Amino acid sequence: MSPQGELAAGLHQAWTRKLAQWWAHYNQEYLGGVLRPPQIRLGEGERQLGLWEAELRRLSIGLHHVQQYPWLEVMETLRHEMAHQYAHEVLGATQEAPHGAAFQQACQRLRCSPAASTRPGEGQPEDERVLRVLKKVLSLAGSPNEHEARAAVNKARRLLLQYNLDVVELDRERGFACRSLGPVKARHTSHEMWLPMILHEFFFVEVLWSPTYQPLSDREGTVLQIYGTPANLDMAEYVYAFLSGLLQQLWAAYKERQGLRGEGQRQSYYVGVLQGVHGALRDQEQHLHASTALVWQGDPRLQEYYRYLNPRVRVRRGGGVRATPAYQDGVVEGRQVRIHRPLHERREAAGGLLAAP
């Protein structure tokens, strides 16, 4: 066997072991360990993401699926096939249609979609309308006039707040979904912990650092996941991209002004910027509440959805950073940050979305 073939074979064995480990985790986490372990293998076909073969007691996940999709989407498929196994072996649905009532019940237990696809559905019409309005309003925020830009951003946030208040008060259908943001890493820095805090406190999403896996490098890590309506997910993703790219731009300019060599102060500066952003958004929020009497108390159904998917969430606090001059300067600059550009497309490159204050 060639070195390339040996490497591929080794990865395939590692992927099969990981699938078995995550199968065991979901079996215990959601089903109380009632399922017996099946044979788990990588399927060679290009069309099927996954397959449960009851007669063989064999669960297959497509090799191309593991190679080409994010791991947490592969895990959605794994739970979908586990639901077939549960419906057959625990609920005794041997004569039922493949996606019948027993399977639907199993999907509820395993927190997975009954649809044979990992891709989320479209948002509600009301979500799409709100997004169109927000895009139009935020397009005004590219104005070179700072007061006009700030007014446009304030209006966009007020619209988003009013939208969410109306949705909760009228108990409209939400259409919640989950989305991953940012890189998969074994360890996340202090400034990366500030980003989800900002999204959670000011942009109507729940957040979680979720364990995941990178098949191509055979490495474990965590990734940021956000939960909310399609409109709120799109807005939060835009803000995440905006702030992530802006940090790099501001740091490059700060290094040049200060004549700094190396990256030793970068983390302190990043944290300072994001703490400044957090403070500015908090001040804006307080002003908005005082001037409009709009007060956000949270969405109970979103929290219910979040807890349904994550029944054993643990809160972990990260460490801080020293209050260095770079940190203090970052706080000052962060309080001046404004969101300047419209949300053009989901997952657009961050560099095209940013403007310095």
Foldseek 3Di string as FASTA:
>chain_A
DDPVVVVVVVLQVLVQVVLQVVLQVLCCPQVVVPDDDFAEHEDDDDPAQWDQDVVRSYIYGHPVCLVPDFQVLSVLQSQLNVLQVCLCPPVVPPPDDSLDDSSVVSCLSSVHDPDRGSDADDADPVLVVLQVVLLVLLQQLQDPPNVSNVVSQLVNLVSQLVVVVVCQVVVPDFSKDKDWDDDFDADDAPLVVLLQVLLVPRQQWDKDFAWGARSVVGDIGTTIMIMGGPNSVLVSQLVSLALVVVLVVVVVVVCVVVVDDDCPCSRLLSNLLSVLLSVLSVVSVVVCCVVPVRDDPHHVVRVVSVCSNVVPDDDDDDDDDDCDPSSNVSNVQNNVDGQRHGSDDRPDHSVVRYDGD
